[in-house]
C-alpha atoms as a PDB file:
ATOM      1  CA  MET A   1     177.087 147.735 128.869  1.00  0.00           C
ATOM      2  CA  GLY A   2     179.818 149.448 126.833  1.00  0.00           C
ATOM      3  CA  GLY A   3     178.922 152.830 128.315  1.00  0.00           C
ATOM      4  CA  LEU A   4     179.242 151.492 131.847  1.00  0.00           C
ATOM      5  CA  LEU A   5     182.640 150.000 131.101  1.00  0.00           C
ATOM      6  CA  ALA A   6     183.734 153.314 129.596  1.00  0.00           C
ATOM      7  CA  ALA A   7     182.610 155.064 132.770  1.00  0.00           C
ATOM      8  CA  PHE A   8     184.711 152.582 134.730  1.00  0.00           C
ATOM      9  CA  GLY A   9     187.709 153.522 132.633  1.00  0.00           C
ATOM     10  CA  ASP A  10     187.130 157.249 133.075  1.00  0.00           C
ATOM     11  CA  ALA A  11     186.771 156.791 136.824  1.00  0.00           C
ATOM     12  CA  SER A  12     190.007 154.808 137.022  1.00  0.00           C
ATOM     13  CA  THR A  13     191.824 157.635 135.213  1.00  0.00           C
ATOM     14  CA  LEU A  14     190.451 160.244 137.597  1.00  0.00           C
ATOM     15  CA  LEU A  15     191.392 158.141 140.619  1.00  0.00           C
ATOM     16  CA  THR A  16     195.074 158.175 139.651  1.00  0.00           C
ATOM     17  CA  SER A  17     195.145 161.956 140.028  1.00  0.00           C
ATOM     18  CA  ASP A  18     196.589 163.605 143.142  1.00  0.00           C
ATOM     19  CA  GLN A  19     193.973 166.383 142.972  1.00  0.00           C
ATOM     20  CA  ASP A  20     191.332 165.807 145.636  1.00  0.00           C
ATOM     21  CA  PRO A  21     188.343 166.977 143.516  1.00  0.00           C
ATOM     22  CA  MET A  22     189.406 164.582 140.781  1.00  0.00           C
ATOM     23  CA  VAL A  23     189.615 161.709 143.267  1.00  0.00           C
ATOM     24  CA  VAL A  24     186.154 162.527 144.620  1.00  0.00           C
ATOM     25  CA  ALA A  25     184.753 162.613 141.074  1.00  0.00           C
ATOM     26  CA  GLY A  26     186.474 159.336 140.286  1.00  0.00           C
ATOM     27  CA  VAL A  27     185.070 157.559 143.352  1.00  0.00           C
ATOM     28  CA  PHE A  28     181.592 158.902 142.606  1.00  0.00           C
ATOM     29  CA  ILE A  29     181.621 157.780 138.960  1.00  0.00           C
ATOM     30  CA  LEU A  30     183.201 154.429 139.819  1.00  0.00           C
ATOM     31  CA  VAL A  31     180.583 153.572 142.445  1.00  0.00           C
ATOM     32  CA  ILE A  32     177.597 154.712 140.359  1.00  0.00           C
ATOM     33  CA  ALA A  33     178.758 152.944 137.182  1.00  0.00           C
ATOM     34  CA  GLY A  34     179.829 149.868 139.117  1.00  0.00           C
ATOM     35  CA  TRP A  35     176.547 149.623 140.971  1.00  0.00           C
ATOM     36  CA  VAL A  36     174.467 149.906 137.786  1.00  0.00           C
ATOM     37  CA  LEU A  37     176.706 147.307 136.156  1.00  0.00           C
ATOM     38  CA  SER A  38     176.201 144.979 139.120  1.00  0.00           C
ATOM     39  CA  LEU A  39     172.439 145.528 138.852  1.00  0.00           C
ATOM     40  CA  THR A  40     172.662 144.368 135.251  1.00  0.00           C
ATOM     41  CA  LEU A  41     174.627 141.266 136.244  1.00  0.00           C
ATOM     42  CA  HIS A  42     172.160 140.579 139.069  1.00  0.00           C
ATOM     43  CA  GLU A  43     169.192 140.530 136.703  1.00  0.00           C
ATOM     44  CA  PHE A  44     171.138 138.641 134.040  1.00  0.00           C
ATOM     45  CA  GLY A  45     171.783 135.961 136.676  1.00  0.00           C
ATOM     46  CA  HIS A  46     168.038 135.550 137.236  1.00  0.00           C
ATOM     47  CA  ALA A  47     167.378 135.354 133.513  1.00  0.00           C
ATOM     48  CA  PHE A  48     170.239 132.983 132.710  1.00  0.00           C
ATOM     49  CA  VAL A  49     169.205 130.421 135.330  1.00  0.00           C
ATOM     50  CA  ALA A  50     165.564 130.763 134.256  1.00  0.00           C
ATOM     51  CA  PHE A  51     166.550 130.093 130.637  1.00  0.00           C
ATOM     52  CA  LYS A  52     168.514 127.012 131.642  1.00  0.00           C
ATOM     53  CA  GLY A  53     165.588 125.927 133.799  1.00  0.00           C
ATOM     54  CA  GLY A  54     162.950 126.030 131.070  1.00  0.00           C
ATOM     55  CA  ASP A  55     161.772 129.626 130.611  1.00  0.00           C
ATOM     56  CA  TYR A  56     162.964 130.297 127.072  1.00  0.00           C
ATOM     57  CA  GLU A  57     160.887 133.464 126.802  1.00  0.00           C
ATOM     58  CA  VAL A  58     163.571 135.430 128.646  1.00  0.00           C
ATOM     59  CA  ALA A  59     165.699 135.358 125.487  1.00  0.00           C
ATOM     60  CA  SER A  60     163.011 136.955 123.333  1.00  0.00           C
ATOM     61  CA  LYS A  61     162.448 139.605 126.017  1.00  0.00           C
ATOM     62  CA  GLY A  62     166.094 140.636 125.740  1.00  0.00           C
ATOM     63  CA  TYR A  63     166.994 139.629 129.283  1.00  0.00           C
ATOM     64  CA  LEU A  64     170.050 137.702 128.131  1.00  0.00           C
ATOM     65  CA  SER A  65     171.534 140.704 126.330  1.00  0.00           C
ATOM     66  CA  MET A  66     172.961 142.275 129.513  1.00  0.00           C
ATOM     67  CA  ASP A  67     171.397 145.546 128.383  1.00  0.00           C
ATOM     68  CA  VAL A  68     170.182 147.368 131.483  1.00  0.00           C
ATOM     69  CA  ARG A  69     167.432 149.041 129.431  1.00  0.00           C
ATOM     70  CA  HIS A  70     165.598 145.710 129.206  1.00  0.00           C
ATOM     71  CA  TYR A  71     165.162 145.467 132.965  1.00  0.00           C
ATOM     72  CA  THR A  72     161.732 147.071 133.451  1.00  0.00           C
ATOM     73  CA  ASP A  73     160.993 150.748 133.953  1.00  0.00           C
ATOM     74  CA  PRO A  74     164.105 152.959 133.986  1.00  0.00           C
ATOM     75  CA  VAL A  75     162.766 155.173 136.780  1.00  0.00           C
ATOM     76  CA  LEU A  76     161.865 152.322 139.146  1.00  0.00           C
ATOM     77  CA  SER A  77     164.795 150.187 138.091  1.00  0.00           C
ATOM     78  CA  ILE A  78     167.620 152.732 137.886  1.00  0.00           C
ATOM     79  CA  VAL A  79     166.731 156.256 138.988  1.00  0.00           C
ATOM     80  CA  LEU A  80     164.917 155.439 142.245  1.00  0.00           C
ATOM     81  CA  PRO A  81     167.537 152.937 143.479  1.00  0.00           C
ATOM     82  CA  LEU A  82     170.290 155.428 142.689  1.00  0.00           C
ATOM     83  CA  VAL A  83     168.455 158.120 144.673  1.00  0.00           C
ATOM     84  CA  PHE A  84     168.302 155.787 147.681  1.00  0.00           C
ATOM     85  CA  LEU A  85     171.975 154.983 147.225  1.00  0.00           C
ATOM     86  CA  LEU A  86     172.861 158.678 147.117  1.00  0.00           C
ATOM     87  CA  ILE A  87     170.733 159.509 150.159  1.00  0.00           C
ATOM     88  CA  GLY A  88     171.918 156.866 152.546  1.00  0.00           C
ATOM     89  CA  GLY A  89     174.109 154.326 150.855  1.00  0.00           C
ATOM     90  CA  ILE A  90     171.498 151.548 151.095  1.00  0.00           C
ATOM     91  CA  PRO A  91     171.411 149.615 147.798  1.00  0.00           C
ATOM     92  CA  LEU A  92     167.669 149.472 147.132  1.00  0.00           C
ATOM     93  CA  PRO A  93     166.793 146.575 144.787  1.00  0.00           C
ATOM     94  CA  GLY A  94     166.138 148.005 141.362  1.00  0.00           C
ATOM     95  CA  GLY A  95     165.492 146.162 138.148  1.00  0.00           C
ATOM     96  CA  ALA A  96     163.569 142.955 137.721  1.00  0.00           C
ATOM     97  CA  VAL A  97     163.071 140.349 135.044  1.00  0.00           C
ATOM     98  CA  TRP A  98     159.652 138.826 134.529  1.00  0.00           C
ATOM     99  CA  ILE A  99     160.035 135.073 134.813  1.00  0.00           C
ATOM    100  CA  ASN A 100     157.392 132.605 133.613  1.00  0.00           C
ATOM    101  CA  ARG A 101     157.629 130.397 136.687  1.00  0.00           C
ATOM    102  CA  TRP A 102     155.088 127.949 135.246  1.00  0.00           C
ATOM    103  CA  ALA A 103     157.691 127.104 132.596  1.00  0.00           C
ATOM    104  CA  LEU A 104     160.381 126.233 135.135  1.00  0.00           C
ATOM    105  CA  ARG A 105     160.957 122.494 135.457  1.00  0.00           C
ATOM    106  CA  THR A 106     161.062 122.073 139.239  1.00  0.00           C
ATOM    107  CA  ARG A 107     160.641 123.918 142.507  1.00  0.00           C
ATOM    108  CA  GLY A 108     164.385 123.655 142.975  1.00  0.00           C
ATOM    109  CA  VAL A 109     164.959 125.493 139.698  1.00  0.00           C
ATOM    110  CA  ALA A 110     162.524 128.203 140.788  1.00  0.00           C
ATOM    111  CA  SER A 111     164.497 128.660 144.004  1.00  0.00           C
ATOM    112  CA  TRP A 112     167.804 128.922 142.158  1.00  0.00           C
ATOM    113  CA  VAL A 113     166.338 131.499 139.791  1.00  0.00           C
ATOM    114  CA  SER A 114     165.635 133.713 142.807  1.00  0.00           C
ATOM    115  CA  LEU A 115     168.999 132.997 144.441  1.00  0.00           C
ATOM    116  CA  ALA A 116     171.007 133.678 141.277  1.00  0.00           C
ATOM    117  CA  GLY A 117     170.693 137.456 141.623  1.00  0.00           C
ATOM    118  CA  PRO A 118     171.886 137.852 145.227  1.00  0.00           C
ATOM    119  CA  LEU A 119     174.610 135.262 144.722  1.00  0.00           C
ATOM    120  CA  SER A 120     175.913 137.279 141.775  1.00  0.00           C
ATOM    121  CA  ASN A 121     176.260 140.296 144.098  1.00  0.00           C
ATOM    122  CA  LEU A 122     178.083 138.148 146.659  1.00  0.00           C
ATOM    123  CA  LEU A 123     180.448 136.896 143.957  1.00  0.00           C
ATOM    124  CA  ILE A 124     181.101 140.426 142.678  1.00  0.00           C
ATOM    125  CA  GLY A 125     181.814 141.560 146.227  1.00  0.00           C
ATOM    126  CA  ILE A 126     184.288 138.723 146.747  1.00  0.00           C
ATOM    127  CA  VAL A 127     186.043 139.390 143.428  1.00  0.00           C
ATOM    128  CA  LEU A 128     186.359 143.117 144.137  1.00  0.00           C
ATOM    129  CA  THR A 129     187.697 142.409 147.626  1.00  0.00           C
ATOM    130  CA  VAL A 130     190.306 139.993 146.282  1.00  0.00           C
ATOM    131  CA  VAL A 131     191.352 142.515 143.622  1.00  0.00           C
ATOM    132  CA  VAL A 132     191.786 145.211 146.257  1.00  0.00           C
ATOM    133  CA  MET A 133     193.870 142.860 148.418  1.00  0.00           C
ATOM    134  CA  LEU A 134     196.140 141.557 145.658  1.00  0.00           C
ATOM    135  CA  VAL A 135     196.511 144.356 143.089  1.00  0.00           C
ATOM    136  CA  PRO A 136     198.566 147.478 143.934  1.00  0.00           C
ATOM    137  CA  MET A 137     196.522 150.585 143.121  1.00  0.00           C
ATOM    138  CA  PRO A 138     196.198 154.282 143.957  1.00  0.00           C
ATOM    139  CA  ALA A 139     194.470 155.069 147.253  1.00  0.00           C
ATOM    140  CA  GLY A 140     191.465 156.632 145.527  1.00  0.00           C
ATOM    141  CA  LEU A 141     190.816 153.536 143.455  1.00  0.00           C
ATOM    142  CA  LEU A 142     191.317 151.319 146.502  1.00  0.00           C
ATOM    143  CA  VAL A 143     188.704 153.103 148.630  1.00  0.00           C
ATOM    144  CA  GLY A 144     186.260 153.348 145.707  1.00  0.00           C
ATOM    145  CA  LEU A 145     186.434 149.632 144.957  1.00  0.00           C
ATOM    146  CA  SER A 146     186.274 148.795 148.670  1.00  0.00           C
ATOM    147  CA  PHE A 147     183.046 150.762 149.089  1.00  0.00           C
ATOM    148  CA  LEU A 148     181.639 149.203 145.921  1.00  0.00           C
ATOM    149  CA  ALA A 149     182.488 145.752 147.285  1.00  0.00           C
ATOM    150  CA  LEU A 150     180.755 146.597 150.563  1.00  0.00           C
ATOM    151  CA  LEU A 151     177.657 147.683 148.625  1.00  0.00           C
ATOM    152  CA  GLN A 152     177.629 144.324 146.843  1.00  0.00           C
ATOM    153  CA  ILE A 153     177.604 142.519 150.179  1.00  0.00           C
ATOM    154  CA  ALA A 154     174.856 144.839 151.418  1.00  0.00           C
ATOM    155  CA  THR A 155     172.829 144.103 148.280  1.00  0.00           C
ATOM    156  CA  PHE A 156     173.306 140.381 148.871  1.00  0.00           C
ATOM    157  CA  VAL A 157     172.180 140.600 152.515  1.00  0.00           C
ATOM    158  CA  LEU A 158     169.186 142.810 151.678  1.00  0.00           C
ATOM    159  CA  ASN A 159     167.967 140.649 148.818  1.00  0.00           C
ATOM    160  CA  ILE A 160     168.450 137.353 150.631  1.00  0.00           C
ATOM    161  CA  LEU A 161     166.040 138.316 153.427  1.00  0.00           C
ATOM    162  CA  PRO A 162     162.848 136.186 153.351  1.00  0.00           C
ATOM    163  CA  VAL A 163     160.611 139.221 152.847  1.00  0.00           C
ATOM    164  CA  PRO A 164     157.862 139.052 150.185  1.00  0.00           C
ATOM    165  CA  GLY A 165     159.042 140.962 147.146  1.00  0.00           C
ATOM    166  CA  LEU A 166     162.707 140.134 147.721  1.00  0.00           C
ATOM    167  CA  ASP A 167     164.717 137.265 146.291  1.00  0.00           C
ATOM    168  CA  GLY A 168     165.098 135.488 149.623  1.00  0.00           C
ATOM    169  CA  TYR A 169     161.358 135.034 149.810  1.00  0.00           C
ATOM    170  CA  GLY A 170     161.268 133.952 146.162  1.00  0.00           C
ATOM    171  CA  ALA A 171     163.715 131.159 147.017  1.00  0.00           C
ATOM    172  CA  ILE A 172     161.447 129.659 149.694  1.00  0.00           C
ATOM    173  CA  GLU A 173     158.097 130.498 148.106  1.00  0.00           C
ATOM    174  CA  PRO A 174     157.880 127.306 145.971  1.00  0.00           C
ATOM    175  CA  TYR A 175     157.967 125.237 149.165  1.00  0.00           C
ATOM    176  CA  LEU A 176     155.335 127.196 151.090  1.00  0.00           C
ATOM    177  CA  SER A 177     151.718 126.171 151.556  1.00  0.00           C
ATOM    178  CA  PRO A 178     149.074 127.690 149.258  1.00  0.00           C
ATOM    179  CA  ASP A 179     147.816 129.902 152.099  1.00  0.00           C
ATOM    180  CA  ALA A 180     151.318 131.192 152.818  1.00  0.00           C
ATOM    181  CA  ARG A 181     151.933 131.904 149.131  1.00  0.00           C
ATOM    182  CA  GLU A 182     148.626 133.767 148.937  1.00  0.00           C
ATOM    183  CA  PHE A 183     149.605 135.911 151.913  1.00  0.00           C
ATOM    184  CA  GLY A 184     153.030 136.523 150.354  1.00  0.00           C
ATOM    185  CA  ALA A 185     151.412 137.659 147.110  1.00  0.00           C
ATOM    186  CA  LYS A 186     149.282 140.174 149.001  1.00  0.00           C
ATOM    187  CA  ALA A 187     152.264 141.416 151.022  1.00  0.00           C
ATOM    188  CA  ARG A 188     154.655 141.668 148.069  1.00  0.00           C
ATOM    189  CA  PRO A 189     153.785 145.291 147.086  1.00  0.00           C
ATOM    190  CA  TRP A 190     154.253 146.782 150.572  1.00  0.00           C
ATOM    191  CA  ALA A 191     156.542 144.458 152.559  1.00  0.00           C
ATOM    192  CA  PRO A 192     159.812 145.785 151.038  1.00  0.00           C
ATOM    193  CA  LEU A 193     158.671 149.366 151.702  1.00  0.00           C
ATOM    194  CA  VAL A 194     158.123 148.522 155.373  1.00  0.00           C
ATOM    195  CA  LEU A 195     161.587 146.951 155.517  1.00  0.00           C
ATOM    196  CA  PHE A 196     163.260 150.007 153.975  1.00  0.00           C
ATOM    197  CA  ALA A 197     161.354 152.317 156.324  1.00  0.00           C
ATOM    198  CA  LEU A 198     162.606 150.284 159.291  1.00  0.00           C
ATOM    199  CA  LEU A 199     166.182 150.383 157.990  1.00  0.00           C
ATOM    200  CA  PHE A 200     166.052 154.166 157.702  1.00  0.00           C
ATOM    201  CA  ALA A 201     163.868 155.085 160.686  1.00  0.00           C
ATOM    202  CA  VAL A 202     164.740 152.526 163.377  1.00  0.00           C
ATOM    203  CA  PRO A 203     168.429 152.743 164.370  1.00  0.00           C
ATOM    204  CA  ALA A 204     168.470 149.268 165.928  1.00  0.00           C
ATOM    205  CA  VAL A 205     167.263 147.692 162.687  1.00  0.00           C
ATOM    206  CA  GLY A 206     169.687 149.669 160.541  1.00  0.00           C
ATOM    207  CA  ASP A 207     172.577 148.907 162.884  1.00  0.00           C
ATOM    208  CA  ALA A 208     171.780 145.172 162.897  1.00  0.00           C
ATOM    209  CA  PHE A 209     171.670 145.177 159.088  1.00  0.00           C
ATOM    210  CA  TRP A 210     175.017 146.944 158.696  1.00  0.00           C
ATOM    211  CA  ASP A 211     176.598 144.827 161.458  1.00  0.00           C
ATOM    212  CA  LEU A 212     175.739 141.704 159.458  1.00  0.00           C
ATOM    213  CA  VAL A 213     177.019 143.305 156.252  1.00  0.00           C
ATOM    214  CA  SER A 214     180.277 144.287 157.961  1.00  0.00           C
ATOM    215  CA  PHE A 215     180.688 140.803 159.421  1.00  0.00           C
ATOM    216  CA  ILE A 216     180.369 139.143 155.995  1.00  0.00           C
ATOM    217  CA  TYR A 217     182.533 141.803 154.371  1.00  0.00           C
ATOM    218  CA  GLY A 218     185.248 141.254 156.967  1.00  0.00           C
ATOM    219  CA  ALA A 219     184.952 137.476 156.652  1.00  0.00           C
ATOM    220  CA  ILE A 220     185.860 137.645 152.960  1.00  0.00           C
ATOM    221  CA  GLY A 221     188.825 139.907 153.681  1.00  0.00           C
ATOM    222  CA  GLY A 222     187.283 143.327 153.201  1.00  0.00           C
ATOM    223  CA  ASP A 223     188.868 146.418 154.731  1.00  0.00           C
ATOM    224  CA  ASP A 224     186.226 148.269 156.781  1.00  0.00           C
ATOM    225  CA  ILE A 225     188.343 151.422 157.014  1.00  0.00           C
ATOM    226  CA  ALA A 226     188.941 151.610 153.263  1.00  0.00           C
ATOM    227  CA  ALA A 227     185.219 151.050 152.613  1.00  0.00           C
ATOM    228  CA  ALA A 228     184.298 153.746 155.142  1.00  0.00           C
ATOM    229  CA  VAL A 229     186.666 156.222 153.473  1.00  0.00           C
ATOM    230  CA  GLY A 230     185.160 155.285 150.119  1.00  0.00           C
ATOM    231  CA  GLN A 231     181.647 155.902 151.441  1.00  0.00           C
ATOM    232  CA  TYR A 232     182.721 159.232 152.956  1.00  0.00           C
ATOM    233  CA  THR A 233     184.231 160.272 149.623  1.00  0.00           C
ATOM    234  CA  PHE A 234     181.190 159.081 147.653  1.00  0.00           C
ATOM    235  CA  LEU A 235     178.790 161.050 149.883  1.00  0.00           C
ATOM    236  CA  PHE A 236     180.897 164.197 149.504  1.00  0.00           C
ATOM    237  CA  TRP A 237     177.961 166.630 149.630  1.00  0.00           C
ATOM    238  CA  ARG A 238     177.054 165.542 153.171  1.00  0.00           C
ATOM    239  CA  HIS A 239     180.196 167.031 154.713  1.00  0.00           C
END
């Protein structure tokens, strides 16, 4: 956690420079560090609600420490999502906390455990957008934070979809019939992969996804142009 905050500070320093390479480096570091930090907060949200809802094992597993190293395999949880982010800007879900759902008190609690992660991304996106609107800052920092805010909204939209393996499905799963839950369990390993393939390979699907993200981002006051400039700067090797 401390290392990520330090990276934030370094990025902010770089983004105050008038030298273009320094601004590009600052945006890149800011977005990467900010996204990993948001991943940590996302998984902490799951664990915190689970702890309050009856699963006290999450504390002994280290999930309440906000240490990203506790959130499963570093390759699947950090490296692979970052690769997807660098390739196309789609925030692939990364880490996960293992919840003992049998220990949760009610179906409602189980739903909120799943919703806590995506809602944390939505909240982060709103906070970043408000900061950009209200706090004077250098242009580089403004576009970097705008793109990071847009990614938070995209993460929220992606995770809230009712697809087995994603949090949106986890929120409705407690209320499904046994047969539906059995099908969801079988689909969980491959359903997200099909979704990501569609987002990348089928323009209509990808466009519909980003249209929804842009709509929500604009509804909370986000600046599409600033976010687009931030994305362009972040993906500097593609142009």
